[in-house]
Amino acid sequence: MNRPLPSDDALRSLHAQSLQALSPATLARLRSARHNAGAAHAGRWRWWLASACSLVIALGIGVQFVGPGDHQGPISTPIVAAEEDNGVLYDENPDLYLWLGDNDLAME
């Protein structure tokens, strides 16, 4: 069954009692572990900041290579031109149709 949760005051008193029961050596190890965790967290921010700065610089260099007049036409234009080129190739080479008629691959 569900038990009611203890109040904040009861939890605080339990915490204070547990701290009094710890040895000074254990408390010193806990303080050093807490300090080392904070230092590791600060190091992560430095790496994040260095990565973000590198990204901004790389994007700035990349934008310099793409000038305002370097844009080509819309993407659909080359696709249409490629379809027209394929039709021209088929019309110029009737051997393809003869080869397809001779093989059973065309019937599958």
PDB file of N, CA and C in Angstrom:
ATOM      1  N   MET A   1       0.831  -1.178   0.000  1.00  0.00           N
ATOM      2  CA  MET A   1       0.000   0.000   0.000  1.00  0.00           C
ATOM      3  C   MET A   1       0.879   1.247   0.000  1.00  0.00           C
ATOM      4  N   ASN A   2       0.278   2.334  -0.332  1.00  0.00           N
ATOM      5  CA  ASN A   2       1.004   3.604  -0.392  1.00  0.00           C
ATOM      6  C   ASN A   2       1.179   4.184   1.004  1.00  0.00           C
ATOM      7  N   ARG A   3       2.429   4.539   1.287  1.00  0.00           N
ATOM      8  CA  ARG A   3       2.703   5.212   2.552  1.00  0.00           C
ATOM      9  C   ARG A   3       2.799   6.699   2.284  1.00  0.00           C
ATOM     10  N   PRO A   4       2.385   7.527   3.216  1.00  0.00           N
ATOM     11  CA  PRO A   4       2.527   8.972   3.011  1.00  0.00           C
ATOM     12  C   PRO A   4       3.998   9.363   3.033  1.00  0.00           C
ATOM     13  N   LEU A   5       4.337  10.332   2.236  1.00  0.00           N
ATOM     14  CA  LEU A   5       5.711  10.815   2.166  1.00  0.00           C
ATOM     15  C   LEU A   5       6.036  11.646   3.399  1.00  0.00           C
ATOM     16  N   PRO A   6       7.282  11.558   3.895  1.00  0.00           N
ATOM     17  CA  PRO A   6       7.645  12.380   5.055  1.00  0.00           C
ATOM     18  C   PRO A   6       7.729  13.852   4.657  1.00  0.00           C
ATOM     19  N   SER A   7       7.583  14.726   5.615  1.00  0.00           N
ATOM     20  CA  SER A   7       7.611  16.162   5.351  1.00  0.00           C
ATOM     21  C   SER A   7       9.049  16.617   5.106  1.00  0.00           C
ATOM     22  N   ASP A   8       9.184  17.841   4.648  1.00  0.00           N
ATOM     23  CA  ASP A   8      10.509  18.406   4.380  1.00  0.00           C
ATOM     24  C   ASP A   8      11.336  18.505   5.657  1.00  0.00           C
ATOM     25  N   ASP A   9      10.698  18.876   6.745  1.00  0.00           N
ATOM     26  CA  ASP A   9      11.433  19.008   8.005  1.00  0.00           C
ATOM     27  C   ASP A   9      11.987  17.662   8.449  1.00  0.00           C
ATOM     28  N   ALA A  10      11.198  16.613   8.284  1.00  0.00           N
ATOM     29  CA  ALA A  10      11.665  15.278   8.677  1.00  0.00           C
ATOM     30  C   ALA A  10      12.830  14.838   7.798  1.00  0.00           C
ATOM     31  N   LEU A  11      12.753  15.121   6.514  1.00  0.00           N
ATOM     32  CA  LEU A  11      13.837  14.762   5.609  1.00  0.00           C
ATOM     33  C   LEU A  11      15.105  15.560   5.910  1.00  0.00           C
ATOM     34  N   ARG A  12      14.954  16.834   6.241  1.00  0.00           N
ATOM     35  CA  ARG A  12      16.114  17.653   6.590  1.00  0.00           C
ATOM     36  C   ARG A  12      16.796  17.143   7.862  1.00  0.00           C
ATOM     37  N   SER A  13      16.022  16.746   8.826  1.00  0.00           N
ATOM     38  CA  SER A  13      16.625  16.233  10.061  1.00  0.00           C
ATOM     39  C   SER A  13      17.325  14.897   9.809  1.00  0.00           C
ATOM     40  N   LEU A  14      16.761  14.043   8.968  1.00  0.00           N
ATOM     41  CA  LEU A  14      17.435  12.789   8.606  1.00  0.00           C
ATOM     42  C   LEU A  14      18.757  13.060   7.881  1.00  0.00           C
ATOM     43  N   HIS A  15      18.757  14.052   7.018  1.00  0.00           N
ATOM     44  CA  HIS A  15      19.969  14.416   6.293  1.00  0.00           C
ATOM     45  C   HIS A  15      21.035  14.930   7.252  1.00  0.00           C
ATOM     46  N   ALA A  16      20.648  15.780   8.181  1.00  0.00           N
ATOM     47  CA  ALA A  16      21.605  16.313   9.155  1.00  0.00           C
ATOM     48  C   ALA A  16      22.185  15.185  10.016  1.00  0.00           C
ATOM     49  N   GLN A  17      21.358  14.227  10.407  1.00  0.00           N
ATOM     50  CA  GLN A  17      21.848  13.097  11.198  1.00  0.00           C
ATOM     51  C   GLN A  17      22.831  12.250  10.391  1.00  0.00           C
ATOM     52  N   SER A  18      22.543  12.044   9.118  1.00  0.00           N
ATOM     53  CA  SER A  18      23.439  11.228   8.291  1.00  0.00           C
ATOM     54  C   SER A  18      24.775  11.937   8.071  1.00  0.00           C
ATOM     55  N   LEU A  19      24.755  13.282   7.965  1.00  0.00           N
ATOM     56  CA  LEU A  19      26.008  14.016   7.811  1.00  0.00           C
ATOM     57  C   LEU A  19      26.868  13.935   9.068  1.00  0.00           C
ATOM     58  N   GLN A  20      26.245  13.914  10.221  1.00  0.00           N
ATOM     59  CA  GLN A  20      27.000  13.798  11.471  1.00  0.00           C
ATOM     60  C   GLN A  20      27.608  12.412  11.625  1.00  0.00           C
ATOM     61  N   ALA A  21      26.999  11.415  10.995  1.00  0.00           N
ATOM     62  CA  ALA A  21      27.503  10.048  11.129  1.00  0.00           C
ATOM     63  C   ALA A  21      28.682   9.771  10.197  1.00  0.00           C
ATOM     64  N   LEU A  22      28.912  10.639   9.200  1.00  0.00           N
ATOM     65  CA  LEU A  22      30.008  10.412   8.257  1.00  0.00           C
ATOM     66  C   LEU A  22      31.342  10.827   8.863  1.00  0.00           C
ATOM     67  N   SER A  23      32.380  10.109   8.485  1.00  0.00           N
ATOM     68  CA  SER A  23      33.724  10.433   8.968  1.00  0.00           C
ATOM     69  C   SER A  23      34.267  11.637   8.196  1.00  0.00           C
ATOM     70  N   PRO A  24      35.221  12.363   8.773  1.00  0.00           N
ATOM     71  CA  PRO A  24      35.804  13.513   8.064  1.00  0.00           C
ATOM     72  C   PRO A  24      36.487  13.111   6.753  1.00  0.00           C
ATOM     73  N   ALA A  25      37.076  11.905   6.700  1.00  0.00           N
ATOM     74  CA  ALA A  25      37.723  11.468   5.458  1.00  0.00           C
ATOM     75  C   ALA A  25      36.698  11.282   4.346  1.00  0.00           C
ATOM     76  N   THR A  26      35.547  10.719   4.683  1.00  0.00           N
ATOM     77  CA  THR A  26      34.495  10.527   3.683  1.00  0.00           C
ATOM     78  C   THR A  26      33.965  11.873   3.207  1.00  0.00           C
ATOM     79  N   LEU A  27      33.768  12.801   4.128  1.00  0.00           N
ATOM     80  CA  LEU A  27      33.302  14.134   3.735  1.00  0.00           C
ATOM     81  C   LEU A  27      34.309  14.824   2.823  1.00  0.00           C
ATOM     82  N   ALA A  28      35.614  14.652   3.112  1.00  0.00           N
ATOM     83  CA  ALA A  28      36.641  15.258   2.260  1.00  0.00           C
ATOM     84  C   ALA A  28      36.613  14.653   0.860  1.00  0.00           C
ATOM     85  N   ARG A  29      36.422  13.327   0.765  1.00  0.00           N
ATOM     86  CA  ARG A  29      36.335  12.690  -0.559  1.00  0.00           C
ATOM     87  C   ARG A  29      35.102  13.168  -1.313  1.00  0.00           C
ATOM     88  N   LEU A  30      33.979  13.335  -0.605  1.00  0.00           N
ATOM     89  CA  LEU A  30      32.765  13.837  -1.258  1.00  0.00           C
ATOM     90  C   LEU A  30      32.952  15.268  -1.761  1.00  0.00           C
ATOM     91  N   ARG A  31      33.619  16.117  -0.954  1.00  0.00           N
ATOM     92  CA  ARG A  31      33.865  17.498  -1.393  1.00  0.00           C
ATOM     93  C   ARG A  31      34.774  17.542  -2.613  1.00  0.00           C
ATOM     94  N   SER A  32      35.819  16.707  -2.629  1.00  0.00           N
ATOM     95  CA  SER A  32      36.722  16.712  -3.785  1.00  0.00           C
ATOM     96  C   SER A  32      36.025  16.166  -5.028  1.00  0.00           C
ATOM     97  N   ALA A  33      35.158  15.169  -4.857  1.00  0.00           N
ATOM     98  CA  ALA A  33      34.413  14.641  -6.009  1.00  0.00           C
ATOM     99  C   ALA A  33      33.465  15.706  -6.557  1.00  0.00           C
ATOM    100  N   ARG A  34      32.821  16.468  -5.664  1.00  0.00           N
ATOM    101  CA  ARG A  34      31.920  17.534  -6.102  1.00  0.00           C
ATOM    102  C   ARG A  34      32.703  18.625  -6.825  1.00  0.00           C
ATOM    103  N   HIS A  35      33.884  18.950  -6.316  1.00  0.00           N
ATOM    104  CA  HIS A  35      34.720  19.969  -6.956  1.00  0.00           C
ATOM    105  C   HIS A  35      35.193  19.500  -8.338  1.00  0.00           C
ATOM    106  N   ASN A  36      35.602  18.246  -8.462  1.00  0.00           N
ATOM    107  CA  ASN A  36      36.062  17.707  -9.750  1.00  0.00           C
ATOM    108  C   ASN A  36      34.925  17.642 -10.761  1.00  0.00           C
ATOM    109  N   ALA A  37      33.714  17.341 -10.291  1.00  0.00           N
ATOM    110  CA  ALA A  37      32.573  17.305 -11.207  1.00  0.00           C
ATOM    111  C   ALA A  37      32.281  18.698 -11.750  1.00  0.00           C
ATOM    112  N   GLY A  38      32.409  19.709 -10.918  1.00  0.00           N
ATOM    113  CA  GLY A  38      32.200  21.084 -11.378  1.00  0.00           C
ATOM    114  C   GLY A  38      33.253  21.516 -12.376  1.00  0.00           C
ATOM    115  N   ALA A  39      34.507  21.080 -12.157  1.00  0.00           N
ATOM    116  CA  ALA A  39      35.581  21.430 -13.092  1.00  0.00           C
ATOM    117  C   ALA A  39      35.372  20.743 -14.441  1.00  0.00           C
ATOM    118  N   ALA A  40      34.897  19.488 -14.413  1.00  0.00           N
ATOM    119  CA  ALA A  40      34.625  18.778 -15.668  1.00  0.00           C
ATOM    120  C   ALA A  40      33.488  19.450 -16.427  1.00  0.00           C
ATOM    121  N   HIS A  41      32.506  19.928 -15.690  1.00  0.00           N
ATOM    122  CA  HIS A  41      31.380  20.614 -16.326  1.00  0.00           C
ATOM    123  C   HIS A  41      31.849  21.919 -16.979  1.00  0.00           C
ATOM    124  N   ALA A  42      32.752  22.638 -16.327  1.00  0.00           N
ATOM    125  CA  ALA A  42      33.286  23.873 -16.903  1.00  0.00           C
ATOM    126  C   ALA A  42      34.091  23.571 -18.162  1.00  0.00           C
ATOM    127  N   GLY A  43      34.790  22.435 -18.178  1.00  0.00           N
ATOM    128  CA  GLY A  43      35.551  22.055 -19.360  1.00  0.00           C
ATOM    129  C   GLY A  43      34.656  21.762 -20.547  1.00  0.00           C
ATOM    130  N   ARG A  44      33.494  21.196 -20.280  1.00  0.00           N
ATOM    131  CA  ARG A  44      32.555  20.933 -21.375  1.00  0.00           C
ATOM    132  C   ARG A  44      32.116  22.228 -22.031  1.00  0.00           C
ATOM    133  N   TRP A  45      31.884  23.278 -21.264  1.00  0.00           N
ATOM    134  CA  TRP A  45      31.481  24.552 -21.834  1.00  0.00           C
ATOM    135  C   TRP A  45      32.577  25.128 -22.710  1.00  0.00           C
ATOM    136  N   ARG A  46      33.830  24.919 -22.317  1.00  0.00           N
ATOM    137  CA  ARG A  46      34.923  25.423 -23.141  1.00  0.00           C
ATOM    138  C   ARG A  46      34.961  24.726 -24.492  1.00  0.00           C
ATOM    139  N   TRP A  47      34.765  23.404 -24.482  1.00  0.00           N
ATOM    140  CA  TRP A  47      34.755  22.664 -25.748  1.00  0.00           C
ATOM    141  C   TRP A  47      33.571  23.086 -26.605  1.00  0.00           C
ATOM    142  N   TRP A  48      32.419  23.295 -25.980  1.00  0.00           N
ATOM    143  CA  TRP A  48      31.243  23.711 -26.738  1.00  0.00           C
ATOM    144  C   TRP A  48      31.481  25.082 -27.361  1.00  0.00           C
ATOM    145  N   LEU A  49      32.054  25.990 -26.588  1.00  0.00           N
ATOM    146  CA  LEU A  49      32.319  27.333 -27.098  1.00  0.00           C
ATOM    147  C   LEU A  49      33.330  27.300 -28.237  1.00  0.00           C
ATOM    148  N   ALA A  50      34.383  26.487 -28.113  1.00  0.00           N
ATOM    149  CA  ALA A  50      35.381  26.377 -29.177  1.00  0.00           C
ATOM    150  C   ALA A  50      34.758  25.784 -30.439  1.00  0.00           C
ATOM    151  N   SER A  51      33.897  24.795 -30.282  1.00  0.00           N
ATOM    152  CA  SER A  51      33.238  24.187 -31.447  1.00  0.00           C
ATOM    153  C   SER A  51      32.309  25.180 -32.127  1.00  0.00           C
ATOM    154  N   ALA A  52      31.565  25.936 -31.343  1.00  0.00           N
ATOM    155  CA  ALA A  52      30.642  26.917 -31.922  1.00  0.00           C
ATOM    156  C   ALA A  52      31.406  28.005 -32.677  1.00  0.00           C
ATOM    157  N   CYS A  53      32.510  28.460 -32.109  1.00  0.00           N
ATOM    158  CA  CYS A  53      33.317  29.491 -32.797  1.00  0.00           C
ATOM    159  C   CYS A  53      33.900  28.950 -34.101  1.00  0.00           C
ATOM    160  N   SER A  54      34.361  27.706 -34.073  1.00  0.00           N
ATOM    161  CA  SER A  54      34.902  27.101 -35.295  1.00  0.00           C
ATOM    162  C   SER A  54      33.826  26.989 -36.359  1.00  0.00           C
ATOM    163  N   LEU A  55      32.615  26.634 -35.962  1.00  0.00           N
ATOM    164  CA  LEU A  55      31.514  26.527 -36.915  1.00  0.00           C
ATOM    165  C   LEU A  55      31.193  27.881 -37.539  1.00  0.00           C
ATOM    166  N   VAL A  56      31.170  28.918 -36.738  1.00  0.00           N
ATOM    167  CA  VAL A  56      30.868  30.263 -37.258  1.00  0.00           C
ATOM    168  C   VAL A  56      31.949  30.706 -38.240  1.00  0.00           C
ATOM    169  N   ILE A  57      33.205  30.435 -37.913  1.00  0.00           N
ATOM    170  CA  ILE A  57      34.296  30.816 -38.815  1.00  0.00           C
ATOM    171  C   ILE A  57      34.211  30.030 -40.121  1.00  0.00           C
ATOM    172  N   ALA A  58      33.931  28.722 -40.031  1.00  0.00           N
ATOM    173  CA  ALA A  58      33.819  27.901 -41.243  1.00  0.00           C
ATOM    174  C   ALA A  58      32.660  28.377 -42.119  1.00  0.00           C
ATOM    175  N   LEU A  59      31.534  28.722 -41.507  1.00  0.00           N
ATOM    176  CA  LEU A  59      30.409  29.229 -42.292  1.00  0.00           C
ATOM    177  C   LEU A  59      30.748  30.571 -42.943  1.00  0.00           C
ATOM    178  N   GLY A  60      31.468  31.415 -42.228  1.00  0.00           N
ATOM    179  CA  GLY A  60      31.875  32.694 -42.802  1.00  0.00           C
ATOM    180  C   GLY A  60      32.781  32.523 -44.001  1.00  0.00           C
ATOM    181  N   ILE A  61      33.717  31.586 -43.916  1.00  0.00           N
ATOM    182  CA  ILE A  61      34.598  31.319 -45.057  1.00  0.00           C
ATOM    183  C   ILE A  61      33.801  30.723 -46.215  1.00  0.00           C
ATOM    184  N   GLY A  62      32.878  29.824 -45.919  1.00  0.00           N
ATOM    185  CA  GLY A  62      32.066  29.212 -46.968  1.00  0.00           C
ATOM    186  C   GLY A  62      31.181  30.211 -47.681  1.00  0.00           C
ATOM    187  N   VAL A  63      30.667  31.175 -46.961  1.00  0.00           N
ATOM    188  CA  VAL A  63      29.804  32.191 -47.579  1.00  0.00           C
ATOM    189  C   VAL A  63      30.605  33.075 -48.520  1.00  0.00           C
ATOM    190  N   GLN A  64      31.879  33.280 -48.237  1.00  0.00           N
ATOM    191  CA  GLN A  64      32.699  34.111 -49.115  1.00  0.00           C
ATOM    192  C   GLN A  64      32.888  33.469 -50.487  1.00  0.00           C
ATOM    193  N   PHE A  65      32.895  32.146 -50.546  1.00  0.00           N
ATOM    194  CA  PHE A  65      33.074  31.465 -51.825  1.00  0.00           C
ATOM    195  C   PHE A  65      31.817  31.496 -52.687  1.00  0.00           C
ATOM    196  N   VAL A  66      30.668  31.663 -52.074  1.00  0.00           N
ATOM    197  CA  VAL A  66      29.417  31.717 -52.818  1.00  0.00           C
ATOM    198  C   VAL A  66      29.005  33.176 -52.905  1.00  0.00           C
ATOM    199  N   GLY A  67      29.223  33.756 -54.066  1.00  0.00           N
ATOM    200  CA  GLY A  67      28.887  35.156 -54.268  1.00  0.00           C
ATOM    201  C   GLY A  67      27.423  35.320 -54.639  1.00  0.00           C
ATOM    202  N   PRO A  68      26.942  36.553 -54.713  1.00  0.00           N
ATOM    203  CA  PRO A  68      25.530  36.768 -55.035  1.00  0.00           C
ATOM    204  C   PRO A  68      25.183  36.390 -56.467  1.00  0.00           C
ATOM    205  N   GLY A  69      26.137  36.390 -57.411  1.00  0.00           N
ATOM    206  CA  GLY A  69      25.832  36.072 -58.802  1.00  0.00           C
ATOM    207  C   GLY A  69      26.145  34.635 -59.174  1.00  0.00           C
ATOM    208  N   ASP A  70      26.526  33.800 -58.197  1.00  0.00           N
ATOM    209  CA  ASP A  70      26.914  32.424 -58.497  1.00  0.00           C
ATOM    210  C   ASP A  70      25.738  31.466 -58.606  1.00  0.00           C
ATOM    211  N   HIS A  71      24.547  31.941 -58.375  1.00  0.00           N
ATOM    212  CA  HIS A  71      23.400  31.047 -58.388  1.00  0.00           C
ATOM    213  C   HIS A  71      23.015  30.715 -59.825  1.00  0.00           C
ATOM    214  N   GLN A  72      22.745  29.447 -60.064  1.00  0.00           N
ATOM    215  CA  GLN A  72      22.300  29.040 -61.386  1.00  0.00           C
ATOM    216  C   GLN A  72      20.780  29.112 -61.426  1.00  0.00           C
ATOM    217  N   GLY A  73      20.200  28.655 -62.478  1.00  0.00           N
ATOM    218  CA  GLY A  73      18.753  28.691 -62.625  1.00  0.00           C
ATOM    219  C   GLY A  73      18.068  27.699 -61.699  1.00  0.00           C
ATOM    220  N   PRO A  74      16.759  27.577 -61.843  1.00  0.00           N
ATOM    221  CA  PRO A  74      16.041  26.625 -61.005  1.00  0.00           C
ATOM    222  C   PRO A  74      16.477  25.190 -61.301  1.00  0.00           C
ATOM    223  N   ILE A  75      16.253  24.311 -60.353  1.00  0.00           N
ATOM    224  CA  ILE A  75      16.712  22.928 -60.461  1.00  0.00           C
ATOM    225  C   ILE A  75      15.938  22.164 -61.531  1.00  0.00           C
ATOM    226  N   SER A  76      14.705  22.533 -61.793  1.00  0.00           N
ATOM    227  CA  SER A  76      13.891  21.776 -62.748  1.00  0.00           C
ATOM    228  C   SER A  76      14.410  21.914 -64.186  1.00  0.00           C
ATOM    229  N   THR A  77      15.112  22.951 -64.526  1.00  0.00           N
ATOM    230  CA  THR A  77      15.604  23.147 -65.884  1.00  0.00           C
ATOM    231  C   THR A  77      16.585  22.067 -66.322  1.00  0.00           C
ATOM    232  N   PRO A  78      17.612  21.714 -65.519  1.00  0.00           N
ATOM    233  CA  PRO A  78      18.520  20.653 -65.969  1.00  0.00           C
ATOM    234  C   PRO A  78      17.831  19.288 -66.080  1.00  0.00           C
ATOM    235  N   ILE A  79      16.842  19.016 -65.249  1.00  0.00           N
ATOM    236  CA  ILE A  79      16.153  17.726 -65.322  1.00  0.00           C
ATOM    237  C   ILE A  79      15.382  17.621 -66.631  1.00  0.00           C
ATOM    238  N   VAL A  80      14.715  18.691 -67.016  1.00  0.00           N
ATOM    239  CA  VAL A  80      13.965  18.678 -68.268  1.00  0.00           C
ATOM    240  C   VAL A  80      14.919  18.509 -69.443  1.00  0.00           C
ATOM    241  N   ALA A  81      16.053  19.189 -69.387  1.00  0.00           N
ATOM    242  CA  ALA A  81      17.022  19.085 -70.463  1.00  0.00           C
ATOM    243  C   ALA A  81      17.579  17.665 -70.544  1.00  0.00           C
ATOM    244  N   ALA A  82      17.771  17.011 -69.407  1.00  0.00           N
ATOM    245  CA  ALA A  82      18.278  15.641 -69.402  1.00  0.00           C
ATOM    246  C   ALA A  82      17.253  14.690 -70.013  1.00  0.00           C
ATOM    247  N   GLU A  83      15.968  14.905 -69.733  1.00  0.00           N
ATOM    248  CA  GLU A  83      14.935  14.049 -70.334  1.00  0.00           C
ATOM    249  C   GLU A  83      14.897  14.239 -71.852  1.00  0.00           C
ATOM    250  N   GLU A  84      15.040  15.434 -72.300  1.00  0.00           N
ATOM    251  CA  GLU A  84      15.049  15.681 -73.741  1.00  0.00           C
ATOM    252  C   GLU A  84      16.272  15.032 -74.388  1.00  0.00           C
ATOM    253  N   ASP A  85      17.420  15.070 -73.719  1.00  0.00           N
ATOM    254  CA  ASP A  85      18.627  14.468 -74.266  1.00  0.00           C
ATOM    255  C   ASP A  85      18.468  12.953 -74.397  1.00  0.00           C
ATOM    256  N   ASN A  86      17.809  12.304 -73.429  1.00  0.00           N
ATOM    257  CA  ASN A  86      17.599  10.859 -73.522  1.00  0.00           C
ATOM    258  C   ASN A  86      16.726  10.510 -74.719  1.00  0.00           C
ATOM    259  N   GLY A  87      15.734  11.312 -74.984  1.00  0.00           N
ATOM    260  CA  GLY A  87      14.881  11.051 -76.139  1.00  0.00           C
ATOM    261  C   GLY A  87      15.656  11.181 -77.439  1.00  0.00           C
ATOM    262  N   VAL A  88      16.560  12.127 -77.511  1.00  0.00           N
ATOM    263  CA  VAL A  88      17.377  12.307 -78.701  1.00  0.00           C
ATOM    264  C   VAL A  88      18.288  11.095 -78.887  1.00  0.00           C
ATOM    265  N   LEU A  89      18.848  10.557 -77.796  1.00  0.00           N
ATOM    266  CA  LEU A  89      19.723   9.389 -77.895  1.00  0.00           C
ATOM    267  C   LEU A  89      18.969   8.172 -78.426  1.00  0.00           C
ATOM    268  N   TYR A  90      17.743   7.981 -77.965  1.00  0.00           N
ATOM    269  CA  TYR A  90      16.979   6.823 -78.422  1.00  0.00           C
ATOM    270  C   TYR A  90      16.599   6.955 -79.899  1.00  0.00           C
ATOM    271  N   ASP A  91      16.302   8.162 -80.326  1.00  0.00           N
ATOM    272  CA  ASP A  91      15.940   8.361 -81.726  1.00  0.00           C
ATOM    273  C   ASP A  91      17.137   8.165 -82.650  1.00  0.00           C
ATOM    274  N   GLU A  92      18.327   8.500 -82.195  1.00  0.00           N
ATOM    275  CA  GLU A  92      19.506   8.396 -83.033  1.00  0.00           C
ATOM    276  C   GLU A  92      20.052   6.972 -83.121  1.00  0.00           C
ATOM    277  N   ASN A  93      19.719   6.101 -82.168  1.00  0.00           N
ATOM    278  CA  ASN A  93      20.303   4.770 -82.138  1.00  0.00           C
ATOM    279  C   ASN A  93      19.193   3.718 -82.217  1.00  0.00           C
ATOM    280  N   PRO A  94      18.761   3.320 -83.422  1.00  0.00           N
ATOM    281  CA  PRO A  94      17.699   2.308 -83.537  1.00  0.00           C
ATOM    282  C   PRO A  94      18.199   0.895 -83.202  1.00  0.00           C
ATOM    283  N   ASP A  95      19.519   0.700 -83.082  1.00  0.00           N
ATOM    284  CA  ASP A  95      20.036  -0.622 -82.711  1.00  0.00           C
ATOM    285  C   ASP A  95      19.558  -1.032 -81.319  1.00  0.00           C
ATOM    286  N   LEU A  96      19.274  -0.076 -80.470  1.00  0.00           N
ATOM    287  CA  LEU A  96      18.781  -0.392 -79.131  1.00  0.00           C
ATOM    288  C   LEU A  96      17.452  -1.129 -79.227  1.00  0.00           C
ATOM    289  N   TYR A  97      16.565  -0.670 -80.096  1.00  0.00           N
ATOM    290  CA  TYR A  97      15.266  -1.328 -80.235  1.00  0.00           C
ATOM    291  C   TYR A  97      15.418  -2.713 -80.840  1.00  0.00           C
ATOM    292  N   LEU A  98      16.349  -2.861 -81.758  1.00  0.00           N
ATOM    293  CA  LEU A  98      16.595  -4.185 -82.331  1.00  0.00           C
ATOM    294  C   LEU A  98      17.144  -5.135 -81.270  1.00  0.00           C
ATOM    295  N   TRP A  99      18.024  -4.632 -80.422  1.00  0.00           N
ATOM    296  CA  TRP A  99      18.590  -5.464 -79.366  1.00  0.00           C
ATOM    297  C   TRP A  99      17.514  -5.868 -78.362  1.00  0.00           C
ATOM    298  N   LEU A 100      16.637  -4.935 -78.024  1.00  0.00           N
ATOM    299  CA  LEU A 100      15.554  -5.260 -77.094  1.00  0.00           C
ATOM    300  C   LEU A 100      14.603  -6.291 -77.697  1.00  0.00           C
ATOM    301  N   GLY A 101      14.346  -6.208 -78.990  1.00  0.00           N
ATOM    302  CA  GLY A 101      13.454  -7.168 -79.635  1.00  0.00           C
ATOM    303  C   GLY A 101      14.060  -8.556 -79.709  1.00  0.00           C
ATOM    304  N   ASP A 102      15.388  -8.670 -79.817  1.00  0.00           N
ATOM    305  CA  ASP A 102      16.041  -9.969 -79.902  1.00  0.00           C
ATOM    306  C   ASP A 102      16.131 -10.666 -78.551  1.00  0.00           C
ATOM    307  N   ASN A 103      16.182  -9.921 -77.456  1.00  0.00           N
ATOM    308  CA  ASN A 103      16.350 -10.524 -76.125  1.00  0.00           C
ATOM    309  C   ASN A 103      15.006 -10.751 -75.478  1.00  0.00           C
ATOM    310  N   ASP A 104      14.974 -11.766 -74.615  1.00  0.00           N
ATOM    311  CA  ASP A 104      13.751 -12.041 -73.868  1.00  0.00           C
ATOM    312  C   ASP A 104      13.608 -11.129 -72.660  1.00  0.00           C
ATOM    313  N   LEU A 105      14.620 -10.326 -72.388  1.00  0.00           N
ATOM    314  CA  LEU A 105      14.575  -9.432 -71.233  1.00  0.00           C
ATOM    315  C   LEU A 105      13.483  -8.384 -71.378  1.00  0.00           C
ATOM    316  N   ALA A 106      13.198  -7.981 -72.588  1.00  0.00           N
ATOM    317  CA  ALA A 106      12.190  -6.969 -72.798  1.00  0.00           C
ATOM    318  C   ALA A 106      10.798  -7.487 -72.497  1.00  0.00           C
ATOM    319  N   MET A 107      10.590  -8.799 -72.528  1.00  0.00           N
ATOM    320  CA  MET A 107       9.273  -9.352 -72.295  1.00  0.00           C
ATOM    321  C   MET A 107       8.986  -9.594 -70.812  1.00  0.00           C
ATOM    322  N   GLU A 108      10.006  -9.507 -69.983  1.00  0.00           N
ATOM    323  CA  GLU A 108       9.800  -9.792 -68.543  1.00  0.00           C
ATOM    324  C   GLU A 108       9.234  -8.627 -67.812  1.00  0.00           C
TER     325      GLU A 108
END
